[in-house]
């Protein structure tokens, strides 16, 4: 584990302190959890952005042309209402 010293505005520090107390955790746990959530969100956004870019390079019409034009099997059919 490593130590990180950060400077926070007093209002943010007090808010974090109150929230940590109400959650029954330390400020360190609160900050660690909040940072982990933010990093996960940023990683997910980056991953999805990369996937979108790769999707633009796919010749979807070529892929769909390979799908046989046959009716679905009985268990895959949608009921008509």
PDB file of N, CA and C in Angstrom:
ATOM      1  N   UNK A   1       0.835  -1.166   0.000  1.00  0.00           N
ATOM      2  CA  UNK A   1       0.000   0.000   0.000  1.00  0.00           C
ATOM      3  C   UNK A   1       0.885   1.235   0.000  1.00  0.00           C
ATOM      4  N   UNK A   2       0.437   2.283  -0.641  1.00  0.00           N
ATOM      5  CA  UNK A   2       1.229   3.506  -0.678  1.00  0.00           C
ATOM      6  C   UNK A   2       0.450   4.654  -0.054  1.00  0.00           C
ATOM      7  N   UNK A   3       1.177   5.696   0.282  1.00  0.00           N
ATOM      8  CA  UNK A   3       0.589   6.880   0.894  1.00  0.00           C
ATOM      9  C   UNK A   3       0.543   7.997  -0.131  1.00  0.00           C
ATOM     10  N   UNK A   4      -0.560   8.720  -0.140  1.00  0.00           N
ATOM     11  CA  UNK A   4      -0.741   9.825  -1.066  1.00  0.00           C
ATOM     12  C   UNK A   4      -1.233  11.024  -0.271  1.00  0.00           C
ATOM     13  N   UNK A   5      -0.556  12.121  -0.409  1.00  0.00           N
ATOM     14  CA  UNK A   5      -0.968  13.347   0.271  1.00  0.00           C
ATOM     15  C   UNK A   5      -1.610  14.257  -0.767  1.00  0.00           C
ATOM     16  N   UNK A   6      -2.861  14.663  -0.520  1.00  0.00           N
ATOM     17  CA  UNK A   6      -3.548  15.532  -1.472  1.00  0.00           C
ATOM     18  C   UNK A   6      -4.072  16.778  -0.760  1.00  0.00           C
ATOM     19  N   UNK A   7      -4.236  17.814  -1.521  1.00  0.00           N
ATOM     20  CA  UNK A   7      -4.807  19.054  -1.001  1.00  0.00           C
ATOM     21  C   UNK A   7      -6.254  19.151  -1.493  1.00  0.00           C
ATOM     22  N   UNK A   8      -7.154  19.368  -0.556  1.00  0.00           N
ATOM     23  CA  UNK A   8      -8.575  19.492  -0.868  1.00  0.00           C
ATOM     24  C   UNK A   8      -9.102  20.816  -0.356  1.00  0.00           C
ATOM     25  N   UNK A   9     -10.059  21.390  -1.038  1.00  0.00           N
ATOM     26  CA  UNK A   9     -10.744  22.543  -0.455  1.00  0.00           C
ATOM     27  C   UNK A   9     -11.413  22.110   0.849  1.00  0.00           C
ATOM     28  N   UNK A  10     -11.471  23.001   1.814  1.00  0.00           N
ATOM     29  CA  UNK A  10     -12.058  22.669   3.122  1.00  0.00           C
ATOM     30  C   UNK A  10     -13.481  22.138   2.989  1.00  0.00           C
ATOM     31  N   UNK A  11     -14.254  22.729   2.091  1.00  0.00           N
ATOM     32  CA  UNK A  11     -15.647  22.289   1.939  1.00  0.00           C
ATOM     33  C   UNK A  11     -15.725  20.845   1.455  1.00  0.00           C
ATOM     34  N   UNK A  12     -14.857  20.469   0.533  1.00  0.00           N
ATOM     35  CA  UNK A  12     -14.845  19.098   0.031  1.00  0.00           C
ATOM     36  C   UNK A  12     -14.382  18.126   1.117  1.00  0.00           C
ATOM     37  N   UNK A  13     -13.381  18.528   1.876  1.00  0.00           N
ATOM     38  CA  UNK A  13     -12.879  17.692   2.971  1.00  0.00           C
ATOM     39  C   UNK A  13     -13.974  17.468   4.011  1.00  0.00           C
ATOM     40  N   UNK A  14     -14.682  18.512   4.384  1.00  0.00           N
ATOM     41  CA  UNK A  14     -15.751  18.385   5.376  1.00  0.00           C
ATOM     42  C   UNK A  14     -16.889  17.507   4.859  1.00  0.00           C
ATOM     43  N   UNK A  15     -17.214  17.683   3.590  1.00  0.00           N
ATOM     44  CA  UNK A  15     -18.273  16.864   2.992  1.00  0.00           C
ATOM     45  C   UNK A  15     -17.859  15.393   3.013  1.00  0.00           C
ATOM     46  N   UNK A  16     -16.619  15.109   2.625  1.00  0.00           N
ATOM     47  CA  UNK A  16     -16.110  13.734   2.626  1.00  0.00           C
ATOM     48  C   UNK A  16     -16.106  13.166   4.042  1.00  0.00           C
ATOM     49  N   UNK A  17     -15.724  13.995   4.997  1.00  0.00           N
ATOM     50  CA  UNK A  17     -15.688  13.552   6.393  1.00  0.00           C
ATOM     51  C   UNK A  17     -17.079  13.166   6.884  1.00  0.00           C
ATOM     52  N   UNK A  18     -18.078  14.018   6.578  1.00  0.00           N
ATOM     53  CA  UNK A  18     -19.455  13.728   6.981  1.00  0.00           C
ATOM     54  C   UNK A  18     -19.975  12.458   6.307  1.00  0.00           C
ATOM     55  N   UNK A  19     -19.700  12.325   5.020  1.00  0.00           N
ATOM     56  CA  UNK A  19     -20.180  11.154   4.285  1.00  0.00           C
ATOM     57  C   UNK A  19     -19.522   9.876   4.806  1.00  0.00           C
ATOM     58  N   UNK A  20     -18.226   9.932   5.046  1.00  0.00           N
ATOM     59  CA  UNK A  20     -17.515   8.760   5.571  1.00  0.00           C
ATOM     60  C   UNK A  20     -18.088   8.359   6.928  1.00  0.00           C
ATOM     61  N   UNK A  21     -18.327   9.344   7.786  1.00  0.00           N
ATOM     62  CA  UNK A  21     -18.900   9.055   9.101  1.00  0.00           C
ATOM     63  C   UNK A  21     -20.282   8.419   8.967  1.00  0.00           C
ATOM     64  N   UNK A  22     -21.099   8.963   8.057  1.00  0.00           N
ATOM     65  CA  UNK A  22     -22.463   8.422   7.893  1.00  0.00           C
ATOM     66  C   UNK A  22     -22.432   7.011   7.310  1.00  0.00           C
ATOM     67  N   UNK A  23     -21.394   6.681   6.543  1.00  0.00           N
ATOM     68  CA  UNK A  23     -21.256   5.340   5.967  1.00  0.00           C
ATOM     69  C   UNK A  23     -20.528   4.387   6.904  1.00  0.00           C
ATOM     70  N   UNK A  24     -19.966   4.925   7.979  1.00  0.00           N
ATOM     71  CA  UNK A  24     -19.239   4.099   8.933  1.00  0.00           C
ATOM     72  C   UNK A  24     -17.886   3.626   8.415  1.00  0.00           C
ATOM     73  N   UNK A  25     -17.266   4.458   7.572  1.00  0.00           N
ATOM     74  CA  UNK A  25     -15.951   4.112   7.019  1.00  0.00           C
ATOM     75  C   UNK A  25     -15.004   5.287   7.226  1.00  0.00           C
ATOM     76  N   UNK A  26     -13.730   5.031   7.003  1.00  0.00           N
ATOM     77  CA  UNK A  26     -12.750   6.110   7.131  1.00  0.00           C
ATOM     78  C   UNK A  26     -12.740   6.957   5.861  1.00  0.00           C
ATOM     79  N   UNK A  27     -12.201   8.165   5.971  1.00  0.00           N
ATOM     80  CA  UNK A  27     -12.054   9.012   4.782  1.00  0.00           C
ATOM     81  C   UNK A  27     -11.149   8.308   3.773  1.00  0.00           C
ATOM     82  N   UNK A  28     -10.115   7.618   4.258  1.00  0.00           N
ATOM     83  CA  UNK A  28      -9.234   6.889   3.341  1.00  0.00           C
ATOM     84  C   UNK A  28     -10.028   5.860   2.530  1.00  0.00           C
ATOM     85  N   UNK A  29     -10.912   5.116   3.193  1.00  0.00           N
ATOM     86  CA  UNK A  29     -11.724   4.128   2.482  1.00  0.00           C
ATOM     87  C   UNK A  29     -12.651   4.805   1.483  1.00  0.00           C
ATOM     88  N   UNK A  30     -13.245   5.925   1.885  1.00  0.00           N
ATOM     89  CA  UNK A  30     -14.148   6.663   1.004  1.00  0.00           C
ATOM     90  C   UNK A  30     -13.410   7.141  -0.242  1.00  0.00           C
ATOM     91  N   UNK A  31     -12.244   7.755  -0.037  1.00  0.00           N
ATOM     92  CA  UNK A  31     -11.478   8.283  -1.167  1.00  0.00           C
ATOM     93  C   UNK A  31     -10.995   7.140  -2.057  1.00  0.00           C
ATOM     94  N   UNK A  32     -10.530   6.059  -1.451  1.00  0.00           N
ATOM     95  CA  UNK A  32     -10.056   4.916  -2.220  1.00  0.00           C
ATOM     96  C   UNK A  32     -11.187   4.332  -3.064  1.00  0.00           C
ATOM     97  N   UNK A  33     -12.356   4.189  -2.480  1.00  0.00           N
ATOM     98  CA  UNK A  33     -13.504   3.649  -3.192  1.00  0.00           C
ATOM     99  C   UNK A  33     -13.953   4.588  -4.309  1.00  0.00           C
ATOM    100  N   UNK A  34     -14.005   5.883  -4.009  1.00  0.00           N
ATOM    101  CA  UNK A  34     -14.418   6.863  -5.011  1.00  0.00           C
ATOM    102  C   UNK A  34     -13.439   6.886  -6.184  1.00  0.00           C
ATOM    103  N   UNK A  35     -12.155   6.810  -5.894  1.00  0.00           N
ATOM    104  CA  UNK A  35     -11.149   6.800  -6.951  1.00  0.00           C
ATOM    105  C   UNK A  35     -11.266   5.524  -7.787  1.00  0.00           C
ATOM    106  N   UNK A  36     -11.480   4.391  -7.133  1.00  0.00           N
ATOM    107  CA  UNK A  36     -11.641   3.126  -7.862  1.00  0.00           C
ATOM    108  C   UNK A  36     -12.853   3.188  -8.793  1.00  0.00           C
ATOM    109  N   UNK A  37     -13.960   3.746  -8.310  1.00  0.00           N
ATOM    110  CA  UNK A  37     -15.158   3.879  -9.142  1.00  0.00           C
ATOM    111  C   UNK A  37     -14.889   4.774 -10.340  1.00  0.00           C
ATOM    112  N   UNK A  38     -14.228   5.897 -10.119  1.00  0.00           N
ATOM    113  CA  UNK A  38     -13.937   6.829 -11.207  1.00  0.00           C
ATOM    114  C   UNK A  38     -13.009   6.191 -12.234  1.00  0.00           C
ATOM    115  N   UNK A  39     -11.966   5.510 -11.773  1.00  0.00           N
ATOM    116  CA  UNK A  39     -11.040   4.854 -12.699  1.00  0.00           C
ATOM    117  C   UNK A  39     -11.745   3.774 -13.508  1.00  0.00           C
ATOM    118  N   UNK A  40     -12.634   3.021 -12.862  1.00  0.00           N
ATOM    119  CA  UNK A  40     -13.393   1.989 -13.574  1.00  0.00           C
ATOM    120  C   UNK A  40     -14.287   2.607 -14.644  1.00  0.00           C
ATOM    121  N   UNK A  41     -14.934   3.709 -14.313  1.00  0.00           N
ATOM    122  CA  UNK A  41     -15.802   4.385 -15.282  1.00  0.00           C
ATOM    123  C   UNK A  41     -14.998   4.895 -16.465  1.00  0.00           C
ATOM    124  N   UNK A  42     -13.842   5.488 -16.196  1.00  0.00           N
ATOM    125  CA  UNK A  42     -12.999   6.003 -17.278  1.00  0.00           C
ATOM    126  C   UNK A  42     -12.472   4.860 -18.143  1.00  0.00           C
ATOM    127  N   UNK A  43     -12.073   3.750 -17.518  1.00  0.00           N
ATOM    128  CA  UNK A  43     -11.598   2.591 -18.276  1.00  0.00           C
ATOM    129  C   UNK A  43     -12.710   2.025 -19.156  1.00  0.00           C
ATOM    130  N   UNK A  44     -13.914   1.939 -18.610  1.00  0.00           N
ATOM    131  CA  UNK A  44     -15.044   1.421 -19.381  1.00  0.00           C
ATOM    132  C   UNK A  44     -15.354   2.336 -20.562  1.00  0.00           C
ATOM    133  N   UNK A  45     -15.313   3.627 -20.328  1.00  0.00           N
ATOM    134  CA  UNK A  45     -15.573   4.588 -21.406  1.00  0.00           C
ATOM    135  C   UNK A  45     -14.517   4.456 -22.508  1.00  0.00           C
ATOM    136  N   UNK A  46     -13.260   4.325 -22.119  1.00  0.00           N
ATOM    137  CA  UNK A  46     -12.176   4.170 -23.091  1.00  0.00           C
ATOM    138  C   UNK A  46     -12.363   2.881 -23.887  1.00  0.00           C
ATOM    139  N   UNK A  47     -12.670   1.785 -23.172  1.00  0.00           N
ATOM    140  CA  UNK A  47     -12.879   0.499 -23.820  1.00  0.00           C
ATOM    141  C   UNK A  47     -14.014   0.572 -24.836  1.00  0.00           C
ATOM    142  N   UNK A  48     -15.137   1.174 -24.445  1.00  0.00           N
ATOM    143  CA  UNK A  48     -16.285   1.270 -25.351  1.00  0.00           C
ATOM    144  C   UNK A  48     -15.973   2.162 -26.541  1.00  0.00           C
ATOM    145  N   UNK A  49     -15.234   3.234 -26.323  1.00  0.00           N
ATOM    146  CA  UNK A  49     -14.843   4.120 -27.422  1.00  0.00           C
ATOM    147  C   UNK A  49     -13.975   3.358 -28.432  1.00  0.00           C
ATOM    148  N   UNK A  50     -13.044   2.549 -27.926  1.00  0.00           N
ATOM    149  CA  UNK A  50     -12.194   1.740 -28.809  1.00  0.00           C
ATOM    150  C   UNK A  50     -13.019   0.727 -29.581  1.00  0.00           C
ATOM    151  N   UNK A  51     -13.999   0.108 -28.916  1.00  0.00           N
ATOM    152  CA  UNK A  51     -14.858  -0.860 -29.592  1.00  0.00           C
ATOM    153  C   UNK A  51     -15.676  -0.197 -30.696  1.00  0.00           C
ATOM    154  N   UNK A  52     -16.162   1.019 -30.423  1.00  0.00           N
ATOM    155  CA  UNK A  52     -16.929   1.749 -31.436  1.00  0.00           C
ATOM    156  C   UNK A  52     -16.054   2.018 -32.652  1.00  0.00           C
ATOM    157  N   UNK A  53     -14.829   2.435 -32.425  1.00  0.00           N
ATOM    158  CA  UNK A  53     -13.922   2.720 -33.541  1.00  0.00           C
ATOM    159  C   UNK A  53     -13.656   1.466 -34.367  1.00  0.00           C
ATOM    160  N   UNK A  54     -13.463   0.338 -33.706  1.00  0.00           N
ATOM    161  CA  UNK A  54     -13.248  -0.905 -34.449  1.00  0.00           C
ATOM    162  C   UNK A  54     -14.492  -1.295 -35.219  1.00  0.00           C
ATOM    163  N   UNK A  55     -15.658  -0.983 -34.660  1.00  0.00           N
ATOM    164  CA  UNK A  55     -16.915  -1.311 -35.330  1.00  0.00           C
ATOM    165  C   UNK A  55     -17.115  -0.528 -36.607  1.00  0.00           C
ATOM    166  N   UNK A  56     -16.573   0.672 -36.687  1.00  0.00           N
ATOM    167  CA  UNK A  56     -16.710   1.477 -37.901  1.00  0.00           C
ATOM    168  C   UNK A  56     -15.959   0.845 -39.077  1.00  0.00           C
ATOM    169  N   UNK A  57     -14.980   0.031 -38.781  1.00  0.00           N
ATOM    170  CA  UNK A  57     -14.160  -0.562 -39.838  1.00  0.00           C
ATOM    171  C   UNK A  57     -14.684  -1.917 -40.297  1.00  0.00           C
ATOM    172  N   UNK A  58     -15.804  -2.342 -39.760  1.00  0.00           N
ATOM    173  CA  UNK A  58     -16.360  -3.652 -40.105  1.00  0.00           C
ATOM    174  C   UNK A  58     -17.306  -3.504 -41.290  1.00  0.00           C
ATOM    175  N   UNK A  59     -17.167  -4.396 -42.243  1.00  0.00           N
ATOM    176  CA  UNK A  59     -18.061  -4.403 -43.401  1.00  0.00           C
ATOM    177  C   UNK A  59     -19.298  -5.212 -43.039  1.00  0.00           C
ATOM    178  N   UNK A  60     -20.230  -4.580 -42.373  1.00  0.00           N
ATOM    179  CA  UNK A  60     -21.401  -5.282 -41.845  1.00  0.00           C
ATOM    180  C   UNK A  60     -22.235  -5.914 -42.946  1.00  0.00           C
ATOM    181  N   UNK A  61     -22.320  -5.275 -44.106  1.00  0.00           N
ATOM    182  CA  UNK A  61     -23.093  -5.851 -45.210  1.00  0.00           C
ATOM    183  C   UNK A  61     -22.488  -7.174 -45.670  1.00  0.00           C
ATOM    184  N   UNK A  62     -21.176  -7.273 -45.663  1.00  0.00           N
ATOM    185  CA  UNK A  62     -20.507  -8.514 -46.042  1.00  0.00           C
ATOM    186  C   UNK A  62     -20.818  -9.616 -45.035  1.00  0.00           C
ATOM    187  N   UNK A  63     -20.810  -9.254 -43.761  1.00  0.00           N
ATOM    188  CA  UNK A  63     -21.114 -10.228 -42.711  1.00  0.00           C
ATOM    189  C   UNK A  63     -22.565 -10.691 -42.813  1.00  0.00           C
ATOM    190  N   UNK A  64     -23.487  -9.747 -42.974  1.00  0.00           N
ATOM    191  CA  UNK A  64     -24.906 -10.104 -43.050  1.00  0.00           C
ATOM    192  C   UNK A  64     -25.224 -10.912 -44.303  1.00  0.00           C
ATOM    193  N   UNK A  65     -24.475 -10.704 -45.369  1.00  0.00           N
ATOM    194  CA  UNK A  65     -24.704 -11.461 -46.600  1.00  0.00           C
ATOM    195  C   UNK A  65     -24.406 -12.943 -46.400  1.00  0.00           C
ATOM    196  N   UNK A  66     -23.618 -13.287 -45.420  1.00  0.00           N
ATOM    197  CA  UNK A  66     -23.269 -14.687 -45.151  1.00  0.00           C
ATOM    198  C   UNK A  66     -24.349 -15.413 -44.343  1.00  0.00           C
ATOM    199  N   UNK A  67     -25.293 -14.678 -43.789  1.00  0.00           N
ATOM    200  CA  UNK A  67     -26.349 -15.282 -42.974  1.00  0.00           C
ATOM    201  C   UNK A  67     -27.392 -15.891 -43.911  1.00  0.00           C
ATOM    202  N   UNK A  68     -27.682 -17.181 -43.755  1.00  0.00           N
ATOM    203  CA  UNK A  68     -28.659 -17.809 -44.649  1.00  0.00           C
ATOM    204  C   UNK A  68     -30.053 -17.219 -44.452  1.00  0.00           C
ATOM    205  N   UNK A  69     -30.768 -17.101 -45.541  1.00  0.00           N
ATOM    206  CA  UNK A  69     -32.129 -16.555 -45.510  1.00  0.00           C
ATOM    207  C   UNK A  69     -33.113 -17.706 -45.351  1.00  0.00           C
ATOM    208  N   UNK A  70     -33.260 -18.162 -44.114  1.00  0.00           N
ATOM    209  CA  UNK A  70     -34.166 -19.266 -43.807  1.00  0.00           C
ATOM    210  C   UNK A  70     -35.054 -18.839 -42.650  1.00  0.00           C
ATOM    211  N   UNK A  71     -36.247 -19.396 -42.573  1.00  0.00           N
ATOM    212  CA  UNK A  71     -37.114 -19.046 -41.435  1.00  0.00           C
ATOM    213  C   UNK A  71     -36.524 -19.582 -40.133  1.00  0.00           C
ATOM    214  N   UNK A  72     -36.816 -18.924 -39.025  1.00  0.00           N
ATOM    215  CA  UNK A  72     -36.284 -19.392 -37.740  1.00  0.00           C
ATOM    216  C   UNK A  72     -36.910 -20.720 -37.338  1.00  0.00           C
ATOM    217  N   UNK A  73     -36.180 -21.447 -36.508  1.00  0.00           N
ATOM    218  CA  UNK A  73     -36.727 -22.698 -35.991  1.00  0.00           C
ATOM    219  C   UNK A  73     -37.936 -22.381 -35.117  1.00  0.00           C
ATOM    220  N   UNK A  74     -38.768 -23.372 -34.924  1.00  0.00           N
ATOM    221  CA  UNK A  74     -40.028 -23.176 -34.189  1.00  0.00           C
ATOM    222  C   UNK A  74     -39.814 -22.502 -32.837  1.00  0.00           C
ATOM    223  N   UNK A  75     -38.822 -22.947 -32.066  1.00  0.00           N
ATOM    224  CA  UNK A  75     -38.611 -22.398 -30.716  1.00  0.00           C
ATOM    225  C   UNK A  75     -38.027 -20.979 -30.737  1.00  0.00           C
ATOM    226  N   UNK A  76     -37.568 -20.512 -31.883  1.00  0.00           N
ATOM    227  CA  UNK A  76     -37.010 -19.161 -31.997  1.00  0.00           C
ATOM    228  C   UNK A  76     -38.007 -18.157 -32.584  1.00  0.00           C
ATOM    229  N   UNK A  77     -39.161 -18.618 -32.977  1.00  0.00           N
ATOM    230  CA  UNK A  77     -40.140 -17.726 -33.612  1.00  0.00           C
ATOM    231  C   UNK A  77     -40.839 -16.860 -32.571  1.00  0.00           C
ATOM    232  N   UNK A  78     -41.139 -15.650 -32.993  1.00  0.00           N
ATOM    233  CA  UNK A  78     -41.901 -14.726 -32.140  1.00  0.00           C
ATOM    234  C   UNK A  78     -43.378 -15.039 -32.283  1.00  0.00           C
ATOM    235  N   UNK A  79     -44.071 -14.968 -31.193  1.00  0.00           N
ATOM    236  CA  UNK A  79     -45.510 -15.215 -31.274  1.00  0.00           C
ATOM    237  C   UNK A  79     -46.180 -13.989 -31.881  1.00  0.00           C
ATOM    238  N   UNK A  80     -47.188 -14.247 -32.680  1.00  0.00           N
ATOM    239  CA  UNK A  80     -47.927 -13.143 -33.295  1.00  0.00           C
ATOM    240  C   UNK A  80     -49.099 -12.795 -32.400  1.00  0.00           C
ATOM    241  N   UNK A  81     -49.185 -11.544 -32.040  1.00  0.00           N
ATOM    242  CA  UNK A  81     -50.243 -11.113 -31.112  1.00  0.00           C
ATOM    243  C   UNK A  81     -51.199 -10.202 -31.785  1.00  0.00           C
TER     244      UNK A  81
END
